[in-house]
Amino acid sequence: GEPISAQDALRVGLVNAVVPAAAVMDEARRWADLICKRGPLAVRASKKAMTDGIEMALDDGLKLEQRLFFSLANTEDFKEGLDAFSRRAEPNFKGR
């Protein structure tokens, strides 16, 4: 395909932000901090969906995502996330 500009990538949703070169590391750290606050099991499943799914047909990738999501449904972290959301509190994920 053809290269696209950063602004076009932002406009179509391929990227979440466009920042000046001098701010790239600060923005990357901000995103890393946000990811680290998420449930580790969910982050691991998301990473697996992205790394494995990139090589799959769309339908197979969606099935993989569904399997990964349902594999989290009975975890302590899943319940903690729902409970924290209903209490409007920060979750305390344990990776279980």
PDB file of N, CA and C in Angstrom:
ATOM      1  N   GLY A   1       0.809  -1.187   0.000  1.00  0.00           N
ATOM      2  CA  GLY A   1       0.000   0.000   0.000  1.00  0.00           C
ATOM      3  C   GLY A   1       0.851   1.249   0.000  1.00  0.00           C
ATOM      4  N   GLU A   2       0.189   2.323  -0.119  1.00  0.00           N
ATOM      5  CA  GLU A   2       0.833   3.640  -0.133  1.00  0.00           C
ATOM      6  C   GLU A   2       1.005   4.172   1.277  1.00  0.00           C
ATOM      7  N   PRO A   3       2.116   4.852   1.542  1.00  0.00           N
ATOM      8  CA  PRO A   3       2.280   5.496   2.853  1.00  0.00           C
ATOM      9  C   PRO A   3       1.221   6.585   3.044  1.00  0.00           C
ATOM     10  N   ILE A   4       0.814   6.799   4.301  1.00  0.00           N
ATOM     11  CA  ILE A   4      -0.118   7.888   4.592  1.00  0.00           C
ATOM     12  C   ILE A   4       0.512   8.790   5.644  1.00  0.00           C
ATOM     13  N   SER A   5       0.012   9.999   5.722  1.00  0.00           N
ATOM     14  CA  SER A   5       0.556  10.954   6.692  1.00  0.00           C
ATOM     15  C   SER A   5       0.069  10.614   8.098  1.00  0.00           C
ATOM     16  N   ALA A   6       0.767  11.148   9.074  1.00  0.00           N
ATOM     17  CA  ALA A   6       0.360  10.950  10.470  1.00  0.00           C
ATOM     18  C   ALA A   6      -1.042  11.496  10.699  1.00  0.00           C
ATOM     19  N   GLN A   7      -1.347  12.643  10.116  1.00  0.00           N
ATOM     20  CA  GLN A   7      -2.676  13.235  10.295  1.00  0.00           C
ATOM     21  C   GLN A   7      -3.763  12.361   9.674  1.00  0.00           C
ATOM     22  N   ASP A   8      -3.488  11.782   8.509  1.00  0.00           N
ATOM     23  CA  ASP A   8      -4.464  10.872   7.898  1.00  0.00           C
ATOM     24  C   ASP A   8      -4.638   9.617   8.747  1.00  0.00           C
ATOM     25  N   ALA A   9      -3.543   9.101   9.306  1.00  0.00           N
ATOM     26  CA  ALA A   9      -3.632   7.931  10.187  1.00  0.00           C
ATOM     27  C   ALA A   9      -4.485   8.244  11.408  1.00  0.00           C
ATOM     28  N   LEU A  10      -4.333   9.439  11.944  1.00  0.00           N
ATOM     29  CA  LEU A  10      -5.150   9.858  13.086  1.00  0.00           C
ATOM     30  C   LEU A  10      -6.618   9.976  12.681  1.00  0.00           C
ATOM     31  N   ARG A  11      -6.857  10.587  11.550  1.00  0.00           N
ATOM     32  CA  ARG A  11      -8.228  10.811  11.078  1.00  0.00           C
ATOM     33  C   ARG A  11      -8.987   9.507  10.875  1.00  0.00           C
ATOM     34  N   VAL A  12      -8.320   8.468  10.377  1.00  0.00           N
ATOM     35  CA  VAL A  12      -9.011   7.201  10.108  1.00  0.00           C
ATOM     36  C   VAL A  12      -8.918   6.219  11.267  1.00  0.00           C
ATOM     37  N   GLY A  13      -8.285   6.627  12.372  1.00  0.00           N
ATOM     38  CA  GLY A  13      -8.262   5.790  13.563  1.00  0.00           C
ATOM     39  C   GLY A  13      -7.148   4.761  13.632  1.00  0.00           C
ATOM     40  N   LEU A  14      -6.129   4.889  12.802  1.00  0.00           N
ATOM     41  CA  LEU A  14      -5.002   3.952  12.869  1.00  0.00           C
ATOM     42  C   LEU A  14      -4.082   4.251  14.041  1.00  0.00           C
ATOM     43  N   VAL A  15      -4.068   5.493  14.489  1.00  0.00           N
ATOM     44  CA  VAL A  15      -3.263   5.899  15.641  1.00  0.00           C
ATOM     45  C   VAL A  15      -4.148   6.691  16.592  1.00  0.00           C
ATOM     46  N   ASN A  16      -3.751   6.738  17.863  1.00  0.00           N
ATOM     47  CA  ASN A  16      -4.526   7.456  18.876  1.00  0.00           C
ATOM     48  C   ASN A  16      -4.091   8.892  19.058  1.00  0.00           C
ATOM     49  N   ALA A  17      -2.872   9.208  18.661  1.00  0.00           N
ATOM     50  CA  ALA A  17      -2.358  10.562  18.851  1.00  0.00           C
ATOM     51  C   ALA A  17      -1.224  10.815  17.874  1.00  0.00           C
ATOM     52  N   VAL A  18      -1.058  12.081  17.542  1.00  0.00           N
ATOM     53  CA  VAL A  18       0.091  12.545  16.773  1.00  0.00           C
ATOM     54  C   VAL A  18       0.751  13.609  17.625  1.00  0.00           C
ATOM     55  N   VAL A  19       2.016  13.404  17.941  1.00  0.00           N
ATOM     56  CA  VAL A  19       2.732  14.338  18.815  1.00  0.00           C
ATOM     57  C   VAL A  19       4.032  14.768  18.146  1.00  0.00           C
ATOM     58  N   PRO A  20       4.548  15.926  18.546  1.00  0.00           N
ATOM     59  CA  PRO A  20       5.849  16.347  18.013  1.00  0.00           C
ATOM     60  C   PRO A  20       6.938  15.346  18.408  1.00  0.00           C
ATOM     61  N   ALA A  21       7.979  15.263  17.610  1.00  0.00           N
ATOM     62  CA  ALA A  21       9.064  14.308  17.860  1.00  0.00           C
ATOM     63  C   ALA A  21       9.628  14.444  19.268  1.00  0.00           C
ATOM     64  N   ALA A  22       9.719  15.660  19.769  1.00  0.00           N
ATOM     65  CA  ALA A  22      10.283  15.882  21.105  1.00  0.00           C
ATOM     66  C   ALA A  22       9.405  15.306  22.212  1.00  0.00           C
ATOM     67  N   ALA A  23       8.131  15.043  21.919  1.00  0.00           N
ATOM     68  CA  ALA A  23       7.194  14.550  22.936  1.00  0.00           C
ATOM     69  C   ALA A  23       6.902  13.059  22.812  1.00  0.00           C
ATOM     70  N   VAL A  24       7.538  12.384  21.861  1.00  0.00           N
ATOM     71  CA  VAL A  24       7.219  10.972  21.608  1.00  0.00           C
ATOM     72  C   VAL A  24       7.454  10.100  22.841  1.00  0.00           C
ATOM     73  N   MET A  25       8.594  10.243  23.501  1.00  0.00           N
ATOM     74  CA  MET A  25       8.883   9.389  24.665  1.00  0.00           C
ATOM     75  C   MET A  25       7.922   9.667  25.814  1.00  0.00           C
ATOM     76  N   ASP A  26       7.578  10.926  26.050  1.00  0.00           N
ATOM     77  CA  ASP A  26       6.611  11.238  27.106  1.00  0.00           C
ATOM     78  C   ASP A  26       5.256  10.615  26.795  1.00  0.00           C
ATOM     79  N   GLU A  27       4.836  10.689  25.548  1.00  0.00           N
ATOM     80  CA  GLU A  27       3.551  10.102  25.150  1.00  0.00           C
ATOM     81  C   GLU A  27       3.602   8.578  25.253  1.00  0.00           C
ATOM     82  N   ALA A  28       4.718   7.978  24.860  1.00  0.00           N
ATOM     83  CA  ALA A  28       4.868   6.522  24.973  1.00  0.00           C
ATOM     84  C   ALA A  28       4.813   6.087  26.432  1.00  0.00           C
ATOM     85  N   ARG A  29       5.446   6.848  27.309  1.00  0.00           N
ATOM     86  CA  ARG A  29       5.403   6.516  28.745  1.00  0.00           C
ATOM     87  C   ARG A  29       3.989   6.665  29.301  1.00  0.00           C
ATOM     88  N   ARG A  30       3.280   7.678  28.827  1.00  0.00           N
ATOM     89  CA  ARG A  30       1.894   7.875  29.276  1.00  0.00           C
ATOM     90  C   ARG A  30       1.045   6.666  28.878  1.00  0.00           C
ATOM     91  N   TRP A  31       1.203   6.197  27.637  1.00  0.00           N
ATOM     92  CA  TRP A  31       0.457   5.025  27.182  1.00  0.00           C
ATOM     93  C   TRP A  31       0.874   3.780  27.944  1.00  0.00           C
ATOM     94  N   ALA A  32       2.165   3.622  28.196  1.00  0.00           N
ATOM     95  CA  ALA A  32       2.647   2.462  28.956  1.00  0.00           C
ATOM     96  C   ALA A  32       2.050   2.459  30.353  1.00  0.00           C
ATOM     97  N   ASP A  33       1.960   3.629  30.971  1.00  0.00           N
ATOM     98  CA  ASP A  33       1.362   3.727  32.303  1.00  0.00           C
ATOM     99  C   ASP A  33      -0.111   3.322  32.273  1.00  0.00           C
ATOM    100  N   LEU A  34      -0.836   3.761  31.259  1.00  0.00           N
ATOM    101  CA  LEU A  34      -2.249   3.376  31.131  1.00  0.00           C
ATOM    102  C   LEU A  34      -2.397   1.863  30.970  1.00  0.00           C
ATOM    103  N   ILE A  35      -1.546   1.261  30.151  1.00  0.00           N
ATOM    104  CA  ILE A  35      -1.611  -0.187  29.932  1.00  0.00           C
ATOM    105  C   ILE A  35      -1.276  -0.937  31.216  1.00  0.00           C
ATOM    106  N   CYS A  36      -0.288  -0.455  31.953  1.00  0.00           N
ATOM    107  CA  CYS A  36       0.120  -1.125  33.199  1.00  0.00           C
ATOM    108  C   CYS A  36      -0.971  -1.090  34.264  1.00  0.00           C
ATOM    109  N   LYS A  37      -1.899  -0.159  34.163  1.00  0.00           N
ATOM    110  CA  LYS A  37      -2.995  -0.068  35.132  1.00  0.00           C
ATOM    111  C   LYS A  37      -4.144  -1.012  34.784  1.00  0.00           C
ATOM    112  N   ARG A  38      -4.081  -1.642  33.642  1.00  0.00           N
ATOM    113  CA  ARG A  38      -5.117  -2.592  33.225  1.00  0.00           C
ATOM    114  C   ARG A  38      -4.811  -3.959  33.816  1.00  0.00           C
ATOM    115  N   GLY A  39      -5.792  -4.824  33.775  1.00  0.00           N
ATOM    116  CA  GLY A  39      -5.607  -6.176  34.294  1.00  0.00           C
ATOM    117  C   GLY A  39      -4.556  -6.920  33.492  1.00  0.00           C
ATOM    118  N   PRO A  40      -3.585  -7.527  34.163  1.00  0.00           N
ATOM    119  CA  PRO A  40      -2.509  -8.205  33.431  1.00  0.00           C
ATOM    120  C   PRO A  40      -3.001  -9.358  32.560  1.00  0.00           C
ATOM    121  N   LEU A  41      -4.037 -10.051  32.982  1.00  0.00           N
ATOM    122  CA  LEU A  41      -4.565 -11.142  32.158  1.00  0.00           C
ATOM    123  C   LEU A  41      -5.196 -10.592  30.884  1.00  0.00           C
ATOM    124  N   ALA A  42      -5.905  -9.477  31.009  1.00  0.00           N
ATOM    125  CA  ALA A  42      -6.535  -8.857  29.843  1.00  0.00           C
ATOM    126  C   ALA A  42      -5.482  -8.289  28.897  1.00  0.00           C
ATOM    127  N   VAL A  43      -4.435  -7.698  29.450  1.00  0.00           N
ATOM    128  CA  VAL A  43      -3.354  -7.171  28.610  1.00  0.00           C
ATOM    129  C   VAL A  43      -2.687  -8.316  27.855  1.00  0.00           C
ATOM    130  N   ARG A  44      -2.416  -9.411  28.548  1.00  0.00           N
ATOM    131  CA  ARG A  44      -1.793 -10.580  27.910  1.00  0.00           C
ATOM    132  C   ARG A  44      -2.693 -11.127  26.797  1.00  0.00           C
ATOM    133  N   ALA A  45      -3.997 -11.221  27.065  1.00  0.00           N
ATOM    134  CA  ALA A  45      -4.927 -11.731  26.052  1.00  0.00           C
ATOM    135  C   ALA A  45      -4.992 -10.782  24.856  1.00  0.00           C
ATOM    136  N   SER A  46      -4.992  -9.483  25.116  1.00  0.00           N
ATOM    137  CA  SER A  46      -5.010  -8.504  24.022  1.00  0.00           C
ATOM    138  C   SER A  46      -3.757  -8.621  23.165  1.00  0.00           C
ATOM    139  N   LYS A  47      -2.622  -8.777  23.823  1.00  0.00           N
ATOM    140  CA  LYS A  47      -1.358  -8.922  23.099  1.00  0.00           C
ATOM    141  C   LYS A  47      -1.374 -10.184  22.240  1.00  0.00           C
ATOM    142  N   LYS A  48      -1.894 -11.283  22.798  1.00  0.00           N
ATOM    143  CA  LYS A  48      -1.986 -12.531  22.036  1.00  0.00           C
ATOM    144  C   LYS A  48      -2.920 -12.363  20.841  1.00  0.00           C
ATOM    145  N   ALA A  49      -4.048 -11.689  21.048  1.00  0.00           N
ATOM    146  CA  ALA A  49      -4.990 -11.473  19.949  1.00  0.00           C
ATOM    147  C   ALA A  49      -4.332 -10.674  18.824  1.00  0.00           C
ATOM    148  N   MET A  50      -3.534  -9.681  19.193  1.00  0.00           N
ATOM    149  CA  MET A  50      -2.873  -8.863  18.170  1.00  0.00           C
ATOM    150  C   MET A  50      -1.761  -9.625  17.461  1.00  0.00           C
ATOM    151  N   THR A  51      -0.907 -10.294  18.234  1.00  0.00           N
ATOM    152  CA  THR A  51       0.243 -10.961  17.608  1.00  0.00           C
ATOM    153  C   THR A  51      -0.168 -12.197  16.814  1.00  0.00           C
ATOM    154  N   ASP A  52      -1.115 -12.966  17.329  1.00  0.00           N
ATOM    155  CA  ASP A  52      -1.569 -14.157  16.604  1.00  0.00           C
ATOM    156  C   ASP A  52      -2.578 -13.796  15.518  1.00  0.00           C
ATOM    157  N   GLY A  53      -3.442 -12.838  15.821  1.00  0.00           N
ATOM    158  CA  GLY A  53      -4.517 -12.487  14.902  1.00  0.00           C
ATOM    159  C   GLY A  53      -4.056 -11.826  13.623  1.00  0.00           C
ATOM    160  N   ILE A  54      -2.901 -11.179  13.654  1.00  0.00           N
ATOM    161  CA  ILE A  54      -2.410 -10.471  12.470  1.00  0.00           C
ATOM    162  C   ILE A  54      -2.177 -11.423  11.302  1.00  0.00           C
ATOM    163  N   GLU A  55      -1.908 -12.683  11.619  1.00  0.00           N
ATOM    164  CA  GLU A  55      -1.626 -13.685  10.587  1.00  0.00           C
ATOM    165  C   GLU A  55      -2.876 -14.447  10.148  1.00  0.00           C
ATOM    166  N   MET A  56      -4.036 -14.108  10.718  1.00  0.00           N
ATOM    167  CA  MET A  56      -5.259 -14.874  10.458  1.00  0.00           C
ATOM    168  C   MET A  56      -6.218 -14.116   9.552  1.00  0.00           C
ATOM    169  N   ALA A  57      -7.100 -14.868   8.944  1.00  0.00           N
ATOM    170  CA  ALA A  57      -8.223 -14.253   8.248  1.00  0.00           C
ATOM    171  C   ALA A  57      -9.095 -13.557   9.290  1.00  0.00           C
ATOM    172  N   LEU A  58      -9.838 -12.546   8.885  1.00  0.00           N
ATOM    173  CA  LEU A  58     -10.642 -11.758   9.815  1.00  0.00           C
ATOM    174  C   LEU A  58     -11.546 -12.632  10.669  1.00  0.00           C
ATOM    175  N   ASP A  59     -12.262 -13.558  10.058  1.00  0.00           N
ATOM    176  CA  ASP A  59     -13.193 -14.404  10.805  1.00  0.00           C
ATOM    177  C   ASP A  59     -12.469 -15.233  11.867  1.00  0.00           C
ATOM    178  N   ASP A  60     -11.316 -15.773  11.516  1.00  0.00           N
ATOM    179  CA  ASP A  60     -10.539 -16.559  12.479  1.00  0.00           C
ATOM    180  C   ASP A  60     -10.001 -15.674  13.601  1.00  0.00           C
ATOM    181  N   GLY A  61      -9.572 -14.469  13.263  1.00  0.00           N
ATOM    182  CA  GLY A  61      -9.089 -13.533  14.275  1.00  0.00           C
ATOM    183  C   GLY A  61     -10.183 -13.146  15.254  1.00  0.00           C
ATOM    184  N   LEU A  62     -11.392 -12.944  14.744  1.00  0.00           N
ATOM    185  CA  LEU A  62     -12.520 -12.609  15.621  1.00  0.00           C
ATOM    186  C   LEU A  62     -12.869 -13.780  16.535  1.00  0.00           C
ATOM    187  N   LYS A  63     -12.771 -14.992  16.015  1.00  0.00           N
ATOM    188  CA  LYS A  63     -13.018 -16.178  16.854  1.00  0.00           C
ATOM    189  C   LYS A  63     -11.961 -16.292  17.949  1.00  0.00           C
ATOM    190  N   LEU A  64     -10.720 -15.991  17.608  1.00  0.00           N
ATOM    191  CA  LEU A  64      -9.651 -16.004  18.606  1.00  0.00           C
ATOM    192  C   LEU A  64      -9.947 -14.988  19.705  1.00  0.00           C
ATOM    193  N   GLU A  65     -10.324 -13.770  19.319  1.00  0.00           N
ATOM    194  CA  GLU A  65     -10.653 -12.747  20.312  1.00  0.00           C
ATOM    195  C   GLU A  65     -11.791 -13.205  21.217  1.00  0.00           C
ATOM    196  N   GLN A  66     -12.800 -13.829  20.637  1.00  0.00           N
ATOM    197  CA  GLN A  66     -13.932 -14.310  21.425  1.00  0.00           C
ATOM    198  C   GLN A  66     -13.482 -15.380  22.426  1.00  0.00           C
ATOM    199  N   ARG A  67     -12.660 -16.322  21.981  1.00  0.00           N
ATOM    200  CA  ARG A  67     -12.154 -17.364  22.889  1.00  0.00           C
ATOM    201  C   ARG A  67     -11.340 -16.750  24.025  1.00  0.00           C
ATOM    202  N   LEU A  68     -10.498 -15.794  23.690  1.00  0.00           N
ATOM    203  CA  LEU A  68      -9.675 -15.153  24.718  1.00  0.00           C
ATOM    204  C   LEU A  68     -10.546 -14.393  25.713  1.00  0.00           C
ATOM    205  N   PHE A  69     -11.552 -13.673  25.215  1.00  0.00           N
ATOM    206  CA  PHE A  69     -12.447 -12.930  26.103  1.00  0.00           C
ATOM    207  C   PHE A  69     -13.157 -13.880  27.059  1.00  0.00           C
ATOM    208  N   PHE A  70     -13.728 -14.949  26.526  1.00  0.00           N
ATOM    209  CA  PHE A  70     -14.462 -15.879  27.383  1.00  0.00           C
ATOM    210  C   PHE A  70     -13.543 -16.608  28.359  1.00  0.00           C
ATOM    211  N   SER A  71     -12.270 -16.757  27.999  1.00  0.00           N
ATOM    212  CA  SER A  71     -11.337 -17.397  28.929  1.00  0.00           C
ATOM    213  C   SER A  71     -11.072 -16.524  30.153  1.00  0.00           C
ATOM    214  N   LEU A  72     -11.359 -15.243  30.062  1.00  0.00           N
ATOM    215  CA  LEU A  72     -11.149 -14.325  31.188  1.00  0.00           C
ATOM    216  C   LEU A  72     -12.373 -14.210  32.090  1.00  0.00           C
ATOM    217  N   ALA A  73     -13.526 -14.652  31.618  1.00  0.00           N
ATOM    218  CA  ALA A  73     -14.789 -14.388  32.313  1.00  0.00           C
ATOM    219  C   ALA A  73     -14.868 -14.966  33.717  1.00  0.00           C
ATOM    220  N   ASN A  74     -14.158 -16.032  34.001  1.00  0.00           N
ATOM    221  CA  ASN A  74     -14.221 -16.646  35.331  1.00  0.00           C
ATOM    222  C   ASN A  74     -13.006 -16.336  36.194  1.00  0.00           C
ATOM    223  N   THR A  75     -12.251 -15.325  35.822  1.00  0.00           N
ATOM    224  CA  THR A  75     -11.056 -14.992  36.598  1.00  0.00           C
ATOM    225  C   THR A  75     -11.400 -14.009  37.720  1.00  0.00           C
ATOM    226  N   GLU A  76     -10.558 -14.008  38.743  1.00  0.00           N
ATOM    227  CA  GLU A  76     -10.725 -13.044  39.834  1.00  0.00           C
ATOM    228  C   GLU A  76     -10.599 -11.618  39.305  1.00  0.00           C
ATOM    229  N   ASP A  77      -9.667 -11.397  38.378  1.00  0.00           N
ATOM    230  CA  ASP A  77      -9.472 -10.052  37.839  1.00  0.00           C
ATOM    231  C   ASP A  77     -10.710  -9.552  37.103  1.00  0.00           C
ATOM    232  N   PHE A  78     -11.377 -10.432  36.369  1.00  0.00           N
ATOM    233  CA  PHE A  78     -12.591 -10.036  35.652  1.00  0.00           C
ATOM    234  C   PHE A  78     -13.644  -9.564  36.650  1.00  0.00           C
ATOM    235  N   LYS A  79     -13.834 -10.353  37.702  1.00  0.00           N
ATOM    236  CA  LYS A  79     -14.816  -9.986  38.733  1.00  0.00           C
ATOM    237  C   LYS A  79     -14.409  -8.699  39.436  1.00  0.00           C
ATOM    238  N   GLU A  80     -13.121  -8.546  39.714  1.00  0.00           N
ATOM    239  CA  GLU A  80     -12.623  -7.331  40.352  1.00  0.00           C
ATOM    240  C   GLU A  80     -12.870  -6.116  39.462  1.00  0.00           C
ATOM    241  N   GLY A  81     -12.646  -6.258  38.179  1.00  0.00           N
ATOM    242  CA  GLY A  81     -12.882  -5.155  37.250  1.00  0.00           C
ATOM    243  C   GLY A  81     -14.337  -4.737  37.211  1.00  0.00           C
ATOM    244  N   LEU A  82     -15.243  -5.709  37.160  1.00  0.00           N
ATOM    245  CA  LEU A  82     -16.677  -5.390  37.167  1.00  0.00           C
ATOM    246  C   LEU A  82     -17.091  -4.727  38.476  1.00  0.00           C
ATOM    247  N   ASP A  83     -16.603  -5.276  39.584  1.00  0.00           N
ATOM    248  CA  ASP A  83     -16.939  -4.725  40.891  1.00  0.00           C
ATOM    249  C   ASP A  83     -16.417  -3.300  41.030  1.00  0.00           C
ATOM    250  N   ALA A  84     -15.177  -3.074  40.644  1.00  0.00           N
ATOM    251  CA  ALA A  84     -14.596  -1.732  40.738  1.00  0.00           C
ATOM    252  C   ALA A  84     -15.352  -0.755  39.847  1.00  0.00           C
ATOM    253  N   PHE A  85     -15.738  -1.196  38.662  1.00  0.00           N
ATOM    254  CA  PHE A  85     -16.495  -0.331  37.758  1.00  0.00           C
ATOM    255  C   PHE A  85     -17.822   0.070  38.391  1.00  0.00           C
ATOM    256  N   SER A  86     -18.518  -0.895  38.995  1.00  0.00           N
ATOM    257  CA  SER A  86     -19.824  -0.590  39.598  1.00  0.00           C
ATOM    258  C   SER A  86     -19.684   0.326  40.809  1.00  0.00           C
ATOM    259  N   ARG A  87     -18.534   0.259  41.491  1.00  0.00           N
ATOM    260  CA  ARG A  87     -18.282   1.129  42.649  1.00  0.00           C
ATOM    261  C   ARG A  87     -17.606   2.437  42.251  1.00  0.00           C
ATOM    262  N   ARG A  88     -17.291   2.562  40.970  1.00  0.00           N
ATOM    263  CA  ARG A  88     -16.529   3.719  40.481  1.00  0.00           C
ATOM    264  C   ARG A  88     -15.208   3.872  41.239  1.00  0.00           C
ATOM    265  N   ALA A  89     -14.531   2.737  41.413  1.00  0.00           N
ATOM    266  CA  ALA A  89     -13.265   2.698  42.147  1.00  0.00           C
ATOM    267  C   ALA A  89     -12.172   2.137  41.241  1.00  0.00           C
ATOM    268  N   GLU A  90     -10.934   2.326  41.649  1.00  0.00           N
ATOM    269  CA  GLU A  90      -9.806   1.743  40.923  1.00  0.00           C
ATOM    270  C   GLU A  90      -9.735   0.247  41.237  1.00  0.00           C
ATOM    271  N   PRO A  91      -9.612  -0.598  40.224  1.00  0.00           N
ATOM    272  CA  PRO A  91      -9.510  -2.036  40.482  1.00  0.00           C
ATOM    273  C   PRO A  91      -8.151  -2.408  41.060  1.00  0.00           C
ATOM    274  N   ASN A  92      -8.134  -3.495  41.800  1.00  0.00           N
ATOM    275  CA  ASN A  92      -6.894  -4.034  42.349  1.00  0.00           C
ATOM    276  C   ASN A  92      -6.664  -5.401  41.707  1.00  0.00           C
ATOM    277  N   PHE A  93      -6.082  -5.396  40.510  1.00  0.00           N
ATOM    278  CA  PHE A  93      -5.869  -6.634  39.770  1.00  0.00           C
ATOM    279  C   PHE A  93      -4.721  -7.429  40.371  1.00  0.00           C
ATOM    280  N   LYS A  94      -4.879  -8.759  40.363  1.00  0.00           N
ATOM    281  CA  LYS A  94      -3.871  -9.645  40.933  1.00  0.00           C
ATOM    282  C   LYS A  94      -3.294 -10.630  39.915  1.00  0.00           C
ATOM    283  N   GLY A  95      -3.787 -10.596  38.697  1.00  0.00           N
ATOM    284  CA  GLY A  95      -3.282 -11.531  37.691  1.00  0.00           C
ATOM    285  C   GLY A  95      -3.798 -12.942  37.869  1.00  0.00           C
ATOM    286  N   ARG A  96      -4.977 -13.061  38.499  1.00  0.00           N
ATOM    287  CA  ARG A  96      -5.591 -14.382  38.699  1.00  0.00           C
ATOM    288  C   ARG A  96      -7.036 -14.355  38.219  1.00  0.00           C
TER     289      ARG A  96
END
